[in-house]
Amino acid sequence: MKRVVVFLGILALAVALAWAGDKENSEKPEKAEKAEDTKKVEKEADGEMSEDLKWITTETGLKYVDLVEGDGEEIVAGNVVNMHYTLWLVGEDGKKGKRIQSSKDSNQPFKTSIPGRLIQAWNEGVPGMKQGGTRLLLSPPELAYGPRGMGGMIPPNATLFFEIECLEIIK
């Protein structure tokens, strides 16, 4: 538990430092603009990674797609997992914008339980992944930090873009 608290503290500090001084992105966008942003991010991801990405949209508005399906076991509720992730903000232009953090920078996988003390996008978007798989998540603000943002690191009403790699499922 201490490791998770320390990790979250480091994450908060890193995001705050990365975000400092960039006040333009902290304005609250309109809902209609958010829907358009989601389409633009999907289009950019398609162009960068594959023309054939088929995003799945859940009832809550989370979008996800598996870049690599993985050949191991499937993550289910109650699992503890080791994962690598990279987080980007979605820019005002709707494209994958400012890179916030990546566990790959320190080569220290993120260990967490599913579901856990995570944003709703992760609790909803990680189950069903397979060990060895890589998934993209496009999280609307309501499934992330919403109107509060996160301590100056993530602005209010930010759409988040994650790349998540399941390294290991620990039972």
Protein backbone atom coordinates (compact mmCIF):
# COMPACT_ATOMS: atom_id res chain seq x y z
CA MET A 1 0.00 0.00 0.00
CA LYS A 2 2.90 2.36 0.78
CA ARG A 3 4.28 1.81 -2.72
CA VAL A 4 0.95 2.83 -4.28
CA VAL A 5 0.74 5.98 -2.13
CA VAL A 6 4.35 6.90 -2.95
CA PHE A 7 3.74 6.22 -6.65
CA LEU A 8 0.61 8.40 -6.67
CA GLY A 9 2.54 11.17 -4.92
CA ILE A 10 5.33 11.00 -7.48
CA LEU A 11 2.76 10.93 -10.28
CA ALA A 12 1.05 14.01 -8.86
CA LEU A 13 4.34 15.89 -8.55
CA ALA A 14 5.50 14.95 -12.05
CA VAL A 15 2.23 15.99 -13.62
CA ALA A 16 2.20 19.26 -11.63
CA LEU A 17 5.69 20.13 -12.83
CA ALA A 18 4.82 19.25 -16.41
CA TRP A 19 1.66 21.32 -16.27
CA ALA A 20 3.11 24.39 -14.52
CA GLY A 21 2.89 27.47 -16.66
CA ASP A 22 0.55 26.01 -19.25
CA LYS A 23 -2.64 27.80 -18.23
CA GLU A 24 -4.21 27.94 -21.68
CA ASN A 25 -5.40 24.33 -21.45
CA SER A 26 -7.16 24.88 -18.13
CA GLU A 27 -10.21 26.54 -19.65
CA LYS A 28 -13.37 24.47 -19.46
CA PRO A 29 -14.33 23.27 -22.95
CA GLU A 30 -17.94 22.89 -24.01
CA LYS A 31 -19.48 19.40 -24.22
CA ALA A 32 -19.91 19.65 -27.99
CA GLU A 33 -16.21 20.40 -28.33
CA LYS A 34 -15.37 17.30 -26.25
CA ALA A 35 -17.30 15.04 -28.63
CA GLU A 36 -15.39 16.57 -31.53
CA ASP A 37 -12.09 16.17 -29.64
CA THR A 38 -12.79 12.45 -29.22
CA LYS A 39 -13.31 12.06 -32.97
CA LYS A 40 -10.08 13.93 -33.72
CA VAL A 41 -8.05 11.79 -31.30
CA GLU A 42 -9.48 8.63 -32.85
CA LYS A 43 -8.55 9.90 -36.29
CA GLU A 44 -5.01 10.75 -35.18
CA ALA A 45 -4.56 7.39 -33.47
CA ASP A 46 -5.77 5.68 -36.63
CA GLY A 47 -3.28 7.62 -38.71
CA GLU A 48 -0.36 6.99 -36.37
CA MET A 49 -0.91 3.35 -35.59
CA SER A 50 -3.25 1.70 -38.05
CA GLU A 51 -5.98 2.47 -40.53
CA ASP A 52 -7.94 -0.50 -39.18
CA LEU A 53 -8.48 0.43 -35.52
CA LYS A 54 -11.99 -0.38 -34.42
CA TRP A 55 -12.73 1.59 -31.26
CA ILE A 56 -15.28 0.17 -28.83
CA THR A 57 -17.41 2.71 -26.99
CA THR A 58 -18.96 1.73 -23.68
CA GLU A 59 -22.25 3.05 -22.30
CA THR A 60 -20.30 5.51 -20.14
CA GLY A 61 -18.45 7.00 -23.11
CA LEU A 62 -15.08 5.30 -22.57
CA LYS A 63 -13.43 4.32 -25.85
CA TYR A 64 -10.86 1.56 -26.12
CA VAL A 65 -9.08 -0.51 -28.70
CA ASP A 66 -6.53 -3.30 -28.42
CA LEU A 67 -3.36 -2.64 -30.39
CA VAL A 68 -2.01 -6.03 -29.32
CA GLU A 69 -4.50 -8.59 -28.03
CA GLY A 70 -2.05 -10.53 -25.90
CA ASP A 71 -1.86 -14.28 -25.55
CA GLY A 72 -2.08 -14.69 -21.79
CA GLU A 73 -4.89 -14.82 -19.31
CA GLU A 74 -7.63 -12.22 -19.30
CA ILE A 75 -7.75 -9.60 -16.54
CA VAL A 76 -10.81 -10.01 -14.34
CA ALA A 77 -12.05 -8.25 -11.21
CA GLY A 78 -9.92 -9.24 -8.24
CA ASN A 79 -6.66 -9.56 -10.18
CA VAL A 80 -3.53 -7.65 -9.28
CA VAL A 81 -1.63 -6.57 -12.37
CA ASN A 82 1.75 -5.13 -13.35
CA MET A 83 1.34 -2.67 -16.20
CA HIS A 84 3.24 -0.09 -18.16
CA TYR A 85 1.31 3.01 -19.13
CA THR A 86 1.78 6.32 -20.88
CA LEU A 87 -0.63 9.21 -20.33
CA TRP A 88 -1.28 12.14 -22.63
CA LEU A 89 -3.72 15.00 -22.40
CA VAL A 90 -5.95 15.54 -25.39
CA GLY A 91 -5.03 18.94 -26.79
CA GLU A 92 -7.38 21.75 -27.69
CA ASP A 93 -7.05 20.64 -31.30
CA GLY A 94 -8.42 17.22 -30.31
CA LYS A 95 -5.16 15.43 -30.97
CA LYS A 96 -3.01 13.43 -28.61
CA GLY A 97 -1.36 16.35 -26.90
CA LYS A 98 0.96 16.91 -24.01
CA ARG A 99 2.59 13.75 -22.69
CA ILE A 100 2.16 13.73 -18.92
CA GLN A 101 3.88 10.61 -17.67
CA SER A 102 5.02 7.10 -18.52
CA SER A 103 6.03 4.22 -16.29
CA LYS A 104 8.43 3.27 -19.07
CA ASP A 105 10.59 6.31 -18.27
CA SER A 106 11.70 4.71 -15.01
CA ASN A 107 11.14 1.14 -16.21
CA GLN A 108 9.02 0.67 -13.09
CA PRO A 109 5.72 -1.06 -13.91
CA PHE A 110 2.60 0.15 -12.12
CA LYS A 111 1.18 -2.53 -9.83
CA THR A 112 -2.50 -2.25 -8.95
CA SER A 113 -5.59 -4.27 -8.18
CA ILE A 114 -8.53 -4.30 -10.57
CA PRO A 115 -10.77 -2.62 -9.68
CA GLY A 116 -8.70 -0.39 -7.49
CA ARG A 117 -8.21 3.17 -6.39
CA LEU A 118 -7.97 4.25 -9.99
CA ILE A 119 -9.91 6.57 -12.21
CA GLN A 120 -13.11 5.00 -13.47
CA ALA A 121 -11.69 4.76 -17.00
CA TRP A 122 -9.08 2.26 -15.78
CA ASN A 123 -11.53 0.32 -13.61
CA GLU A 124 -13.78 -0.02 -16.64
CA GLY A 125 -11.22 -0.25 -19.44
CA VAL A 126 -8.60 -2.65 -18.08
CA PRO A 127 -10.74 -5.76 -17.37
CA GLY A 128 -10.86 -7.93 -20.46
CA MET A 129 -7.29 -7.15 -21.49
CA LYS A 130 -5.02 -10.14 -21.81
CA GLN A 131 -1.54 -10.53 -20.40
CA GLY A 132 0.92 -9.37 -23.04
CA GLY A 133 -1.68 -7.07 -24.58
CA THR A 134 -1.57 -3.34 -25.27
CA ARG A 135 -4.74 -1.23 -25.12
CA LEU A 136 -5.54 2.39 -25.84
CA LEU A 137 -8.07 4.15 -23.62
CA LEU A 138 -9.71 7.44 -24.49
CA SER A 139 -11.29 8.71 -21.30
CA PRO A 140 -13.89 11.45 -21.18
CA PRO A 141 -13.50 13.83 -18.23
CA GLU A 142 -16.39 12.20 -16.36
CA LEU A 143 -14.40 8.94 -16.10
CA ALA A 144 -11.18 10.69 -15.10
CA TYR A 145 -10.82 13.77 -12.90
CA GLY A 146 -13.89 15.70 -14.06
CA PRO A 147 -14.40 19.38 -13.25
CA ARG A 148 -11.88 19.28 -10.38
CA GLY A 149 -8.90 18.22 -12.44
CA MET A 150 -5.98 16.84 -10.46
CA GLY A 151 -3.93 19.21 -8.36
CA GLY A 152 -2.92 21.51 -11.19
CA MET A 153 -1.44 18.58 -13.11
CA ILE A 154 -4.49 17.65 -15.08
CA PRO A 155 -6.77 20.56 -15.91
CA PRO A 156 -10.50 20.53 -15.20
CA ASN A 157 -12.60 18.59 -17.71
CA ALA A 158 -9.58 17.06 -19.43
CA THR A 159 -9.97 14.18 -21.87
CA LEU A 160 -7.15 11.68 -21.27
CA PHE A 161 -5.45 9.28 -23.66
CA PHE A 162 -3.68 6.20 -22.27
CA GLU A 163 -1.59 3.45 -23.76
CA ILE A 164 -1.58 0.51 -21.33
CA GLU A 165 0.47 -2.67 -21.58
CA CYS A 166 -0.37 -5.67 -19.35
CA LEU A 167 2.95 -7.19 -18.34
CA GLU A 168 1.78 -9.66 -15.71
CA ILE A 169 -1.36 -10.84 -13.96
CA ILE A 170 -0.71 -11.72 -10.33
CA LYS A 171 -3.42 -13.78 -8.67
